[in-house]
Amino acid sequence: MKIDQAFQQRGWYDVNCRLCPRLADFLDEVKADHPDYFCRPVPPFGDLDARLLVVGLAPGKHGANASGRPFTGDHAGLLLYRMLHQFGFANRAESTGSGDGLILHDCRISNAVKCLPPENKPVAAEINQCRPYLKTEIDSLKPGAAILALGSIAHGAVIKSLDVKKSDAPFGHARQWDVGNDLTIFSSYHCSRYNTQTKRLTEAMFEDVFRSVRKHLSN
């Protein structure tokens, strides 16, 4: 059984989902323009029993939507996979696609929204529609696990999946919250091209976040 089939069987995503009309129509349009692109709900990637769950926003048009793997094929993944490798969560520092030999250790990457949204901006109804997949995935985490939310939208999706009030865990870079059930949320600015090129998120800042995550999981 392929790993993405295992993810689907656990209810973490559905490769045939078309519950959001706007997203389904947009995927059809992109597929017509790029027949070789994945253009379906993108499955999580990584360890089935990971203690670290990294949650991003949504697949990028020419990245995960093309490759079928989160944060693979666009700028956002460059820094993320480098950090995962540096802190022992990956066997290599770059993700290029299936067959590249990349393995994640004790880590899995997922998205708040599994399908590519127009202009990379899902609407609230689409985030809500996709939340049951994220909630099921989060509920499967074992005690002592950590969730790293990349960006405010991913953070919001995570805390709503946990029924945590926004006021009890407001988004902020390099912040962390213990939210019960021995689960800790870490948040960071998203490692997007815009954030890294404008220095809103530097490599040193991202490194500090991962250092905190690694320290937590090593306790």
N, C-alpha and C. Protein backbone atom coordinates (compact mmCIF):
# COMPACT_ATOMS: atom_id res chain seq x y z
N MET A 1 0.84 -1.20 0.00
CA MET A 1 0.00 0.00 0.00
C MET A 1 0.88 1.25 0.00
N LYS A 2 0.66 2.12 -0.96
CA LYS A 2 1.42 3.34 -1.02
C LYS A 2 1.07 4.24 0.16
N ILE A 3 2.03 5.09 0.52
CA ILE A 3 1.84 5.92 1.71
C ILE A 3 0.66 6.86 1.56
N ASP A 4 0.40 7.41 0.36
CA ASP A 4 -0.73 8.32 0.22
C ASP A 4 -2.05 7.57 0.34
N GLN A 5 -2.06 6.27 -0.02
CA GLN A 5 -3.26 5.47 0.18
C GLN A 5 -3.53 5.28 1.67
N ALA A 6 -2.44 5.13 2.44
CA ALA A 6 -2.60 5.01 3.89
C ALA A 6 -3.17 6.29 4.47
N PHE A 7 -2.70 7.44 3.97
CA PHE A 7 -3.22 8.72 4.43
C PHE A 7 -4.71 8.83 4.11
N GLN A 8 -5.09 8.40 2.92
CA GLN A 8 -6.49 8.49 2.52
C GLN A 8 -7.34 7.56 3.37
N GLN A 9 -6.86 6.36 3.65
CA GLN A 9 -7.62 5.42 4.47
C GLN A 9 -7.81 5.94 5.89
N ARG A 10 -6.87 6.73 6.36
CA ARG A 10 -6.99 7.30 7.71
C ARG A 10 -7.87 8.55 7.73
N GLY A 11 -8.33 8.98 6.57
CA GLY A 11 -9.24 10.13 6.50
C GLY A 11 -8.54 11.47 6.55
N TRP A 12 -7.25 11.50 6.18
CA TRP A 12 -6.49 12.75 6.24
C TRP A 12 -6.64 13.57 4.97
N TYR A 13 -7.13 12.97 3.91
CA TYR A 13 -7.43 13.68 2.67
C TYR A 13 -8.18 12.74 1.74
N ASP A 14 -8.75 13.27 0.67
CA ASP A 14 -9.45 12.46 -0.32
C ASP A 14 -9.02 12.94 -1.69
N VAL A 15 -8.30 12.10 -2.40
CA VAL A 15 -7.76 12.50 -3.69
C VAL A 15 -8.85 12.81 -4.70
N ASN A 16 -10.06 12.34 -4.47
CA ASN A 16 -11.16 12.59 -5.40
C ASN A 16 -12.13 13.67 -4.92
N CYS A 17 -11.76 14.37 -3.86
CA CYS A 17 -12.66 15.40 -3.30
C CYS A 17 -12.88 16.55 -4.29
N ARG A 18 -14.16 16.93 -4.46
CA ARG A 18 -14.51 18.08 -5.29
C ARG A 18 -15.65 18.85 -4.62
N LEU A 19 -15.58 18.92 -3.29
CA LEU A 19 -16.65 19.54 -2.51
C LEU A 19 -16.66 21.07 -2.61
N CYS A 20 -15.56 21.66 -3.03
CA CYS A 20 -15.50 23.12 -3.17
C CYS A 20 -15.56 23.46 -4.66
N PRO A 21 -16.71 23.91 -5.16
CA PRO A 21 -16.88 24.13 -6.61
C PRO A 21 -15.84 25.06 -7.21
N ARG A 22 -15.52 26.15 -6.52
CA ARG A 22 -14.56 27.10 -7.06
C ARG A 22 -13.19 26.45 -7.23
N LEU A 23 -12.77 25.67 -6.24
CA LEU A 23 -11.46 25.01 -6.32
C LEU A 23 -11.46 23.91 -7.37
N ALA A 24 -12.54 23.14 -7.42
CA ALA A 24 -12.62 22.06 -8.41
C ALA A 24 -12.56 22.61 -9.83
N ASP A 25 -13.29 23.70 -10.08
CA ASP A 25 -13.29 24.31 -11.41
C ASP A 25 -11.90 24.87 -11.74
N PHE A 26 -11.26 25.46 -10.75
CA PHE A 26 -9.93 26.04 -10.99
C PHE A 26 -8.91 24.95 -11.30
N LEU A 27 -8.99 23.83 -10.59
CA LEU A 27 -8.09 22.71 -10.88
C LEU A 27 -8.29 22.21 -12.31
N ASP A 28 -9.53 22.17 -12.75
CA ASP A 28 -9.81 21.73 -14.13
C ASP A 28 -9.17 22.69 -15.12
N GLU A 29 -9.25 24.00 -14.85
CA GLU A 29 -8.66 24.99 -15.74
C GLU A 29 -7.14 24.84 -15.80
N VAL A 30 -6.52 24.67 -14.62
CA VAL A 30 -5.06 24.55 -14.58
C VAL A 30 -4.62 23.25 -15.26
N LYS A 31 -5.39 22.18 -15.07
CA LYS A 31 -5.06 20.90 -15.70
C LYS A 31 -5.12 21.02 -17.23
N ALA A 32 -6.06 21.77 -17.73
CA ALA A 32 -6.18 21.96 -19.17
C ALA A 32 -4.96 22.68 -19.72
N ASP A 33 -4.43 23.63 -18.94
CA ASP A 33 -3.25 24.38 -19.37
C ASP A 33 -1.95 23.62 -19.12
N HIS A 34 -1.98 22.75 -18.11
CA HIS A 34 -0.77 22.00 -17.73
C HIS A 34 -1.14 20.53 -17.53
N PRO A 35 -1.29 19.78 -18.61
CA PRO A 35 -1.75 18.39 -18.51
C PRO A 35 -0.87 17.49 -17.65
N ASP A 36 0.40 17.85 -17.49
CA ASP A 36 1.31 17.01 -16.71
C ASP A 36 1.29 17.33 -15.22
N TYR A 37 0.52 18.33 -14.80
CA TYR A 37 0.44 18.70 -13.38
C TYR A 37 -0.46 17.73 -12.63
N PHE A 38 -0.23 17.60 -11.34
CA PHE A 38 -1.02 16.72 -10.47
C PHE A 38 -2.48 17.19 -10.43
N CYS A 39 -2.71 18.44 -10.07
CA CYS A 39 -4.03 19.08 -10.13
C CYS A 39 -5.14 18.27 -9.44
N ARG A 40 -4.86 17.82 -8.24
CA ARG A 40 -5.86 17.14 -7.41
C ARG A 40 -5.57 17.52 -5.96
N PRO A 41 -6.42 17.14 -5.02
CA PRO A 41 -6.08 17.38 -3.63
C PRO A 41 -4.72 16.75 -3.31
N VAL A 42 -3.84 17.52 -2.72
CA VAL A 42 -2.47 17.05 -2.46
C VAL A 42 -2.41 16.35 -1.11
N PRO A 43 -1.92 15.11 -1.08
CA PRO A 43 -1.87 14.37 0.18
C PRO A 43 -0.76 14.89 1.09
N PRO A 44 -0.84 14.58 2.38
CA PRO A 44 0.28 14.87 3.26
C PRO A 44 1.50 14.09 2.78
N PHE A 45 2.65 14.44 3.33
CA PHE A 45 3.89 13.76 2.96
C PHE A 45 4.72 13.55 4.22
N GLY A 46 5.16 12.30 4.43
CA GLY A 46 6.06 12.04 5.54
C GLY A 46 5.67 10.82 6.35
N ASP A 47 6.09 10.83 7.59
CA ASP A 47 5.98 9.71 8.51
C ASP A 47 4.54 9.55 9.01
N LEU A 48 4.00 8.35 8.87
CA LEU A 48 2.64 8.08 9.34
C LEU A 48 2.49 8.36 10.83
N ASP A 49 3.52 8.05 11.60
CA ASP A 49 3.45 8.18 13.06
C ASP A 49 4.32 9.33 13.57
N ALA A 50 4.44 10.37 12.78
CA ALA A 50 5.29 11.51 13.13
C ALA A 50 4.84 12.20 14.41
N ARG A 51 5.81 12.73 15.15
CA ARG A 51 5.50 13.56 16.31
C ARG A 51 5.48 15.04 15.95
N LEU A 52 5.98 15.39 14.77
CA LEU A 52 5.92 16.77 14.29
C LEU A 52 5.05 16.82 13.04
N LEU A 53 4.00 17.64 13.12
CA LEU A 53 3.15 17.88 11.97
C LEU A 53 3.32 19.33 11.55
N VAL A 54 3.84 19.55 10.34
CA VAL A 54 4.00 20.89 9.78
C VAL A 54 2.78 21.18 8.91
N VAL A 55 2.11 22.29 9.19
CA VAL A 55 0.89 22.63 8.46
C VAL A 55 1.08 23.93 7.68
N GLY A 56 0.95 23.84 6.37
CA GLY A 56 1.03 25.02 5.51
C GLY A 56 -0.36 25.49 5.12
N LEU A 57 -0.41 26.42 4.19
CA LEU A 57 -1.69 27.00 3.77
C LEU A 57 -2.38 26.13 2.72
N ALA A 58 -1.80 26.04 1.54
CA ALA A 58 -2.41 25.32 0.42
C ALA A 58 -1.33 25.06 -0.63
N PRO A 59 -1.57 24.13 -1.55
CA PRO A 59 -0.59 23.87 -2.61
C PRO A 59 -0.36 25.09 -3.48
N GLY A 60 0.88 25.30 -3.89
CA GLY A 60 1.21 26.35 -4.85
C GLY A 60 0.94 25.87 -6.27
N LYS A 61 0.58 26.79 -7.15
CA LYS A 61 0.18 26.42 -8.51
C LYS A 61 1.26 25.63 -9.23
N HIS A 62 2.49 26.13 -9.19
CA HIS A 62 3.56 25.45 -9.92
C HIS A 62 4.47 24.66 -8.96
N GLY A 63 4.01 24.50 -7.73
CA GLY A 63 4.75 23.74 -6.74
C GLY A 63 4.04 22.44 -6.44
N ALA A 64 3.42 22.36 -5.25
CA ALA A 64 2.75 21.13 -4.83
C ALA A 64 1.62 20.72 -5.77
N ASN A 65 0.91 21.70 -6.35
CA ASN A 65 -0.15 21.37 -7.29
C ASN A 65 0.40 20.69 -8.54
N ALA A 66 1.64 20.99 -8.88
CA ALA A 66 2.27 20.35 -10.03
C ALA A 66 2.90 19.01 -9.66
N SER A 67 3.59 18.98 -8.52
CA SER A 67 4.37 17.80 -8.13
C SER A 67 3.57 16.76 -7.37
N GLY A 68 2.50 17.20 -6.67
CA GLY A 68 1.73 16.29 -5.85
C GLY A 68 2.33 16.07 -4.47
N ARG A 69 3.33 16.87 -4.10
CA ARG A 69 3.96 16.76 -2.78
C ARG A 69 4.01 18.15 -2.15
N PRO A 70 3.60 18.29 -0.88
CA PRO A 70 3.62 19.60 -0.24
C PRO A 70 4.98 20.28 -0.29
N PHE A 71 4.97 21.57 -0.58
CA PHE A 71 6.17 22.41 -0.58
C PHE A 71 7.26 21.86 -1.52
N THR A 72 6.85 21.35 -2.65
CA THR A 72 7.81 20.77 -3.59
C THR A 72 7.61 21.36 -4.98
N GLY A 73 8.65 22.02 -5.48
CA GLY A 73 8.60 22.58 -6.82
C GLY A 73 8.50 24.09 -6.85
N ASP A 74 8.44 24.73 -5.68
CA ASP A 74 8.41 26.19 -5.67
C ASP A 74 9.32 26.73 -4.57
N HIS A 75 9.42 28.04 -4.50
CA HIS A 75 10.38 28.69 -3.60
C HIS A 75 10.12 28.37 -2.13
N ALA A 76 8.85 28.26 -1.75
CA ALA A 76 8.50 28.08 -0.33
C ALA A 76 9.15 26.85 0.29
N GLY A 77 9.35 25.82 -0.53
CA GLY A 77 9.90 24.58 0.02
C GLY A 77 11.40 24.60 0.23
N LEU A 78 12.10 25.54 -0.40
CA LEU A 78 13.55 25.53 -0.32
C LEU A 78 14.04 25.67 1.12
N LEU A 79 13.53 26.66 1.83
CA LEU A 79 13.96 26.88 3.20
C LEU A 79 13.39 25.82 4.13
N LEU A 80 12.15 25.42 3.91
CA LEU A 80 11.52 24.43 4.79
C LEU A 80 12.30 23.11 4.80
N TYR A 81 12.56 22.57 3.63
CA TYR A 81 13.25 21.28 3.59
C TYR A 81 14.70 21.39 4.07
N ARG A 82 15.30 22.54 3.87
CA ARG A 82 16.65 22.74 4.39
C ARG A 82 16.65 22.69 5.92
N MET A 83 15.64 23.31 6.53
CA MET A 83 15.52 23.27 7.99
C MET A 83 15.20 21.87 8.49
N LEU A 84 14.32 21.17 7.78
CA LEU A 84 13.98 19.80 8.18
C LEU A 84 15.22 18.91 8.17
N HIS A 85 16.06 19.09 7.16
CA HIS A 85 17.29 18.31 7.08
C HIS A 85 18.26 18.72 8.18
N GLN A 86 18.42 20.00 8.39
CA GLN A 86 19.37 20.49 9.39
C GLN A 86 19.04 19.99 10.79
N PHE A 87 17.75 19.86 11.09
CA PHE A 87 17.34 19.45 12.44
C PHE A 87 16.94 17.98 12.53
N GLY A 88 17.35 17.20 11.54
CA GLY A 88 17.22 15.75 11.62
C GLY A 88 15.87 15.18 11.27
N PHE A 89 15.01 15.97 10.62
CA PHE A 89 13.69 15.48 10.23
C PHE A 89 13.65 14.97 8.79
N ALA A 90 14.73 15.14 8.04
CA ALA A 90 14.77 14.70 6.65
C ALA A 90 16.16 14.18 6.31
N ASN A 91 16.24 13.24 5.39
CA ASN A 91 17.52 12.66 5.02
C ASN A 91 18.27 13.45 3.95
N ARG A 92 17.60 14.47 3.42
CA ARG A 92 18.25 15.35 2.46
C ARG A 92 17.62 16.73 2.53
N ALA A 93 18.32 17.72 1.99
CA ALA A 93 17.91 19.11 2.18
C ALA A 93 17.05 19.67 1.07
N GLU A 94 16.68 18.84 0.10
CA GLU A 94 15.91 19.34 -1.03
C GLU A 94 14.86 18.33 -1.44
N SER A 95 13.67 18.83 -1.79
CA SER A 95 12.59 18.00 -2.30
C SER A 95 12.34 18.36 -3.75
N THR A 96 12.49 17.38 -4.63
CA THR A 96 12.30 17.64 -6.06
C THR A 96 11.13 16.87 -6.65
N GLY A 97 10.60 15.89 -5.93
CA GLY A 97 9.46 15.13 -6.44
C GLY A 97 9.58 13.66 -6.14
N SER A 98 8.56 12.92 -6.48
CA SER A 98 8.56 11.48 -6.22
C SER A 98 9.74 10.83 -6.91
N GLY A 99 10.36 9.91 -6.21
CA GLY A 99 11.52 9.22 -6.76
C GLY A 99 12.83 9.89 -6.43
N ASP A 100 12.80 10.98 -5.65
CA ASP A 100 14.04 11.68 -5.33
C ASP A 100 14.75 11.10 -4.10
N GLY A 101 14.14 10.11 -3.47
CA GLY A 101 14.78 9.47 -2.32
C GLY A 101 14.60 10.20 -1.00
N LEU A 102 13.82 11.27 -0.99
CA LEU A 102 13.62 12.04 0.23
C LEU A 102 12.74 11.26 1.21
N ILE A 103 13.20 11.19 2.45
CA ILE A 103 12.44 10.53 3.52
C ILE A 103 12.38 11.49 4.71
N LEU A 104 11.20 11.66 5.26
CA LEU A 104 11.05 12.46 6.47
C LEU A 104 11.04 11.54 7.68
N HIS A 105 11.76 11.96 8.72
CA HIS A 105 11.87 11.18 9.94
C HIS A 105 11.09 11.88 11.05
N ASP A 106 10.10 11.19 11.61
CA ASP A 106 9.33 11.73 12.74
C ASP A 106 8.67 13.05 12.39
N CYS A 107 8.36 13.26 11.12
CA CYS A 107 7.78 14.51 10.65
C CYS A 107 6.85 14.23 9.48
N ARG A 108 5.78 15.01 9.40
CA ARG A 108 4.86 14.93 8.28
C ARG A 108 4.44 16.35 7.92
N ILE A 109 4.24 16.61 6.64
CA ILE A 109 3.82 17.92 6.16
C ILE A 109 2.43 17.81 5.56
N SER A 110 1.57 18.74 5.92
CA SER A 110 0.21 18.76 5.42
C SER A 110 -0.18 20.21 5.12
N ASN A 111 -1.40 20.41 4.64
CA ASN A 111 -1.89 21.75 4.35
C ASN A 111 -3.29 21.95 4.92
N ALA A 112 -3.59 23.18 5.31
CA ALA A 112 -4.93 23.50 5.80
C ALA A 112 -5.97 23.29 4.71
N VAL A 113 -5.61 23.62 3.47
CA VAL A 113 -6.47 23.42 2.30
C VAL A 113 -5.70 22.54 1.33
N LYS A 114 -6.30 21.45 0.90
CA LYS A 114 -5.58 20.45 0.12
C LYS A 114 -5.53 20.75 -1.38
N CYS A 115 -6.39 21.67 -1.84
CA CYS A 115 -6.43 22.00 -3.27
C CYS A 115 -5.90 23.41 -3.53
N LEU A 116 -5.36 23.57 -4.71
CA LEU A 116 -4.87 24.88 -5.15
C LEU A 116 -6.01 25.89 -5.23
N PRO A 117 -5.91 27.03 -4.52
CA PRO A 117 -6.92 28.08 -4.65
C PRO A 117 -6.46 29.16 -5.63
N PRO A 118 -7.38 29.82 -6.31
CA PRO A 118 -6.99 30.94 -7.17
C PRO A 118 -6.22 31.99 -6.38
N GLU A 119 -5.13 32.48 -6.97
CA GLU A 119 -4.28 33.50 -6.35
C GLU A 119 -3.75 33.07 -4.98
N ASN A 120 -3.76 31.75 -4.75
CA ASN A 120 -3.27 31.19 -3.49
C ASN A 120 -4.04 31.73 -2.28
N LYS A 121 -5.33 32.04 -2.49
CA LYS A 121 -6.14 32.61 -1.41
C LYS A 121 -7.44 31.84 -1.27
N PRO A 122 -7.47 30.85 -0.39
CA PRO A 122 -8.74 30.15 -0.15
C PRO A 122 -9.69 31.04 0.62
N VAL A 123 -10.98 30.87 0.39
CA VAL A 123 -11.98 31.62 1.15
C VAL A 123 -12.35 30.82 2.39
N ALA A 124 -13.02 31.49 3.32
CA ALA A 124 -13.33 30.87 4.61
C ALA A 124 -14.11 29.56 4.45
N ALA A 125 -15.06 29.54 3.53
CA ALA A 125 -15.87 28.34 3.34
C ALA A 125 -15.02 27.15 2.89
N GLU A 126 -14.00 27.42 2.10
CA GLU A 126 -13.11 26.35 1.62
C GLU A 126 -12.22 25.83 2.74
N ILE A 127 -11.74 26.74 3.58
CA ILE A 127 -10.94 26.32 4.73
C ILE A 127 -11.79 25.47 5.67
N ASN A 128 -13.04 25.90 5.88
CA ASN A 128 -13.94 25.15 6.75
C ASN A 128 -14.27 23.78 6.16
N GLN A 129 -14.46 23.72 4.84
CA GLN A 129 -14.80 22.47 4.18
C GLN A 129 -13.67 21.45 4.30
N CYS A 130 -12.45 21.94 4.28
CA CYS A 130 -11.29 21.06 4.32
C CYS A 130 -10.87 20.71 5.76
N ARG A 131 -11.39 21.43 6.73
CA ARG A 131 -10.93 21.25 8.11
C ARG A 131 -11.11 19.84 8.66
N PRO A 132 -12.19 19.12 8.33
CA PRO A 132 -12.31 17.76 8.88
C PRO A 132 -11.11 16.86 8.57
N TYR A 133 -10.50 17.04 7.39
CA TYR A 133 -9.31 16.25 7.07
C TYR A 133 -8.17 16.61 8.02
N LEU A 134 -7.96 17.91 8.24
CA LEU A 134 -6.90 18.35 9.14
C LEU A 134 -7.19 17.92 10.57
N LYS A 135 -8.44 18.03 11.00
CA LYS A 135 -8.79 17.64 12.35
C LYS A 135 -8.54 16.15 12.58
N THR A 136 -8.92 15.33 11.60
CA THR A 136 -8.68 13.89 11.73
C THR A 136 -7.19 13.59 11.83
N GLU A 137 -6.39 14.32 11.05
CA GLU A 137 -4.95 14.12 11.09
C GLU A 137 -4.38 14.57 12.43
N ILE A 138 -4.82 15.71 12.92
CA ILE A 138 -4.34 16.20 14.21
C ILE A 138 -4.76 15.27 15.34
N ASP A 139 -5.99 14.78 15.29
CA ASP A 139 -6.49 13.89 16.34
C ASP A 139 -5.70 12.59 16.42
N SER A 140 -5.00 12.25 15.34
CA SER A 140 -4.22 11.00 15.34
C SER A 140 -2.86 11.15 16.00
N LEU A 141 -2.46 12.40 16.29
CA LEU A 141 -1.14 12.62 16.88
C LEU A 141 -1.07 12.05 18.29
N LYS A 142 0.10 11.53 18.62
CA LYS A 142 0.30 10.92 19.93
C LYS A 142 0.66 11.99 20.96
N PRO A 143 0.46 11.71 22.24
CA PRO A 143 0.84 12.66 23.30
C PRO A 143 2.31 13.07 23.18
N GLY A 144 2.56 14.34 23.39
CA GLY A 144 3.91 14.86 23.27
C GLY A 144 4.25 15.39 21.90
N ALA A 145 3.31 15.32 20.97
CA ALA A 145 3.55 15.76 19.60
C ALA A 145 3.55 17.28 19.51
N ALA A 146 4.05 17.78 18.38
CA ALA A 146 4.10 19.22 18.12
C ALA A 146 3.51 19.50 16.74
N ILE A 147 2.85 20.64 16.63
CA ILE A 147 2.34 21.12 15.35
C ILE A 147 3.02 22.45 15.06
N LEU A 148 3.62 22.56 13.88
CA LEU A 148 4.21 23.81 13.43
C LEU A 148 3.31 24.40 12.37
N ALA A 149 2.64 25.51 12.69
CA ALA A 149 1.74 26.17 11.75
C ALA A 149 2.48 27.29 11.03
N LEU A 150 2.48 27.25 9.71
CA LEU A 150 3.20 28.23 8.91
C LEU A 150 2.21 29.27 8.38
N GLY A 151 2.19 30.43 9.02
CA GLY A 151 1.31 31.50 8.61
C GLY A 151 0.03 31.54 9.42
N SER A 152 -0.63 32.68 9.38
CA SER A 152 -1.80 32.90 10.23
C SER A 152 -3.01 32.05 9.82
N ILE A 153 -3.18 31.79 8.53
CA ILE A 153 -4.34 31.00 8.10
C ILE A 153 -4.18 29.55 8.54
N ALA A 154 -3.00 28.99 8.36
CA ALA A 154 -2.74 27.63 8.84
C ALA A 154 -2.91 27.55 10.34
N HIS A 155 -2.40 28.56 11.03
CA HIS A 155 -2.53 28.60 12.48
C HIS A 155 -4.00 28.61 12.90
N GLY A 156 -4.80 29.44 12.22
CA GLY A 156 -6.21 29.49 12.53
C GLY A 156 -6.91 28.17 12.29
N ALA A 157 -6.55 27.49 11.21
CA ALA A 157 -7.15 26.19 10.91
C ALA A 157 -6.79 25.16 11.97
N VAL A 158 -5.55 25.23 12.46
CA VAL A 158 -5.10 24.29 13.48
C VAL A 158 -5.86 24.49 14.78
N ILE A 159 -5.95 25.73 15.25
CA ILE A 159 -6.59 25.94 16.55
C ILE A 159 -8.10 25.66 16.48
N LYS A 160 -8.73 25.93 15.34
CA LYS A 160 -10.14 25.60 15.20
C LYS A 160 -10.34 24.09 15.18
N SER A 161 -9.40 23.37 14.60
CA SER A 161 -9.48 21.90 14.60
C SER A 161 -9.38 21.34 16.01
N LEU A 162 -8.72 22.09 16.88
CA LEU A 162 -8.55 21.67 18.26
C LEU A 162 -9.57 22.30 19.20
N ASP A 163 -10.50 23.08 18.65
CA ASP A 163 -11.51 23.79 19.44
C ASP A 163 -10.87 24.71 20.47
N VAL A 164 -9.75 25.33 20.07
CA VAL A 164 -9.06 26.30 20.91
C VAL A 164 -9.50 27.70 20.50
N LYS A 165 -9.80 28.55 21.46
CA LYS A 165 -10.18 29.92 21.15
C LYS A 165 -9.00 30.71 20.60
N LYS A 166 -9.28 31.55 19.62
CA LYS A 166 -8.23 32.38 19.04
C LYS A 166 -7.55 33.25 20.09
N SER A 167 -8.32 33.72 21.06
CA SER A 167 -7.76 34.57 22.10
C SER A 167 -6.83 33.81 23.04
N ASP A 168 -6.99 32.49 23.08
CA ASP A 168 -6.13 31.67 23.93
C ASP A 168 -4.83 31.27 23.24
N ALA A 169 -4.80 31.40 21.92
CA ALA A 169 -3.58 31.05 21.17
C ALA A 169 -3.50 31.92 19.92
N PRO A 170 -3.32 33.24 20.09
CA PRO A 170 -3.24 34.13 18.93
C PRO A 170 -1.98 33.89 18.12
N PHE A 171 -2.10 34.06 16.80
CA PHE A 171 -0.94 33.84 15.94
C PHE A 171 0.16 34.86 16.23
N GLY A 172 1.38 34.40 16.18
CA GLY A 172 2.54 35.26 16.31
C GLY A 172 3.78 34.47 15.95
N HIS A 173 4.72 35.09 15.32
CA HIS A 173 5.93 34.37 14.93
C HIS A 173 6.71 33.92 16.16
N ALA A 174 7.21 32.67 16.10
CA ALA A 174 8.06 32.09 17.13
C ALA A 174 7.35 32.01 18.49
N ARG A 175 6.05 31.80 18.44
CA ARG A 175 5.30 31.62 19.68
C ARG A 175 4.89 30.16 19.81
N GLN A 176 4.59 29.74 21.02
CA GLN A 176 4.14 28.37 21.22
C GLN A 176 3.11 28.32 22.35
N TRP A 177 2.24 27.32 22.25
CA TRP A 177 1.17 27.16 23.22
C TRP A 177 0.97 25.68 23.51
N ASP A 178 0.81 25.34 24.78
CA ASP A 178 0.39 24.01 25.18
C ASP A 178 -1.13 24.02 25.20
N VAL A 179 -1.73 23.14 24.42
CA VAL A 179 -3.18 23.21 24.21
C VAL A 179 -3.92 21.99 24.76
N GLY A 180 -3.31 21.29 25.70
CA GLY A 180 -3.96 20.12 26.27
C GLY A 180 -3.62 18.86 25.52
N ASN A 181 -3.94 17.73 26.12
CA ASN A 181 -3.63 16.41 25.54
C ASN A 181 -2.15 16.28 25.22
N ASP A 182 -1.32 17.02 25.99
CA ASP A 182 0.13 16.96 25.82
C ASP A 182 0.52 17.30 24.38
N LEU A 183 -0.15 18.29 23.82
CA LEU A 183 0.11 18.74 22.45
C LEU A 183 0.54 20.20 22.47
N THR A 184 1.57 20.53 21.70
CA THR A 184 2.09 21.90 21.67
C THR A 184 2.03 22.45 20.25
N ILE A 185 1.52 23.67 20.11
CA ILE A 185 1.48 24.36 18.82
C ILE A 185 2.62 25.37 18.77
N PHE A 186 3.37 25.35 17.69
CA PHE A 186 4.38 26.37 17.39
C PHE A 186 3.89 27.12 16.15
N SER A 187 4.15 28.41 16.09
CA SER A 187 3.75 29.16 14.90
C SER A 187 4.93 29.94 14.35
N SER A 188 4.89 30.15 13.04
CA SER A 188 5.95 30.87 12.34
C SER A 188 5.36 31.61 11.16
N TYR A 189 6.01 32.70 10.76
CA TYR A 189 5.66 33.28 9.47
C TYR A 189 5.87 32.22 8.40
N HIS A 190 5.06 32.29 7.37
CA HIS A 190 5.18 31.32 6.27
C HIS A 190 6.48 31.55 5.52
N CYS A 191 7.08 30.46 5.06
CA CYS A 191 8.36 30.54 4.35
C CYS A 191 8.14 30.81 2.86
N SER A 192 7.26 31.73 2.55
CA SER A 192 6.96 32.10 1.17
C SER A 192 8.09 32.94 0.57
N ARG A 193 8.08 33.04 -0.75
CA ARG A 193 9.08 33.88 -1.42
C ARG A 193 8.99 35.32 -0.93
N TYR A 194 7.76 35.83 -0.81
CA TYR A 194 7.59 37.22 -0.37
C TYR A 194 8.19 37.42 1.01
N ASN A 195 7.87 36.55 1.96
CA ASN A 195 8.35 36.72 3.33
C ASN A 195 9.87 36.60 3.44
N THR A 196 10.46 35.69 2.68
CA THR A 196 11.90 35.51 2.79
C THR A 196 12.66 36.60 2.04
N GLN A 197 12.13 37.05 0.90
CA GLN A 197 12.83 38.08 0.15
C GLN A 197 12.71 39.46 0.80
N THR A 198 11.62 39.70 1.51
CA THR A 198 11.47 40.97 2.22
C THR A 198 12.09 40.91 3.62
N LYS A 199 12.63 39.76 3.99
CA LYS A 199 13.27 39.55 5.29
C LYS A 199 12.28 39.57 6.45
N ARG A 200 11.01 39.47 6.13
CA ARG A 200 10.06 39.30 7.24
C ARG A 200 10.38 38.00 7.97
N LEU A 201 10.79 37.00 7.19
CA LEU A 201 11.27 35.74 7.76
C LEU A 201 12.66 35.49 7.23
N THR A 202 13.65 35.53 8.10
CA THR A 202 15.03 35.22 7.71
C THR A 202 15.32 33.76 8.04
N GLU A 203 16.40 33.26 7.47
CA GLU A 203 16.79 31.89 7.76
C GLU A 203 17.08 31.71 9.25
N ALA A 204 17.72 32.71 9.85
CA ALA A 204 18.01 32.63 11.29
C ALA A 204 16.74 32.58 12.12
N MET A 205 15.73 33.35 11.73
CA MET A 205 14.45 33.33 12.45
C MET A 205 13.78 31.96 12.35
N PHE A 206 13.80 31.39 11.16
CA PHE A 206 13.19 30.07 10.95
C PHE A 206 13.97 29.00 11.70
N GLU A 207 15.27 29.16 11.71
CA GLU A 207 16.13 28.22 12.44
C GLU A 207 15.80 28.23 13.93
N ASP A 208 15.55 29.39 14.48
CA ASP A 208 15.20 29.50 15.90
C ASP A 208 13.90 28.76 16.20
N VAL A 209 12.94 28.85 15.29
CA VAL A 209 11.67 28.14 15.48
C VAL A 209 11.92 26.64 15.50
N PHE A 210 12.69 26.15 14.55
CA PHE A 210 12.96 24.72 14.50
C PHE A 210 13.80 24.26 15.69
N ARG A 211 14.65 25.13 16.18
CA ARG A 211 15.42 24.78 17.37
C ARG A 211 14.49 24.57 18.57
N SER A 212 13.48 25.41 18.68
CA SER A 212 12.50 25.26 19.76
C SER A 212 11.69 23.98 19.61
N VAL A 213 11.32 23.68 18.37
CA VAL A 213 10.56 22.44 18.11
C VAL A 213 11.40 21.22 18.47
N ARG A 214 12.65 21.21 18.02
CA ARG A 214 13.53 20.07 18.31
C ARG A 214 13.76 19.91 19.80
N LYS A 215 13.95 21.03 20.51
CA LYS A 215 14.14 20.97 21.96
C LYS A 215 12.91 20.37 22.63
N HIS A 216 11.73 20.79 22.18
CA HIS A 216 10.49 20.27 22.77
C HIS A 216 10.39 18.76 22.55
N LEU A 217 10.68 18.29 21.36
CA LEU A 217 10.54 16.87 21.06
C LEU A 217 11.65 16.04 21.70
N SER A 218 12.72 16.68 22.11
CA SER A 218 13.84 15.96 22.73
C SER A 218 13.68 15.82 24.24
N ASN A 219 12.72 16.55 24.81
CA ASN A 219 12.52 16.51 26.27
C ASN A 219 11.88 15.18 26.70
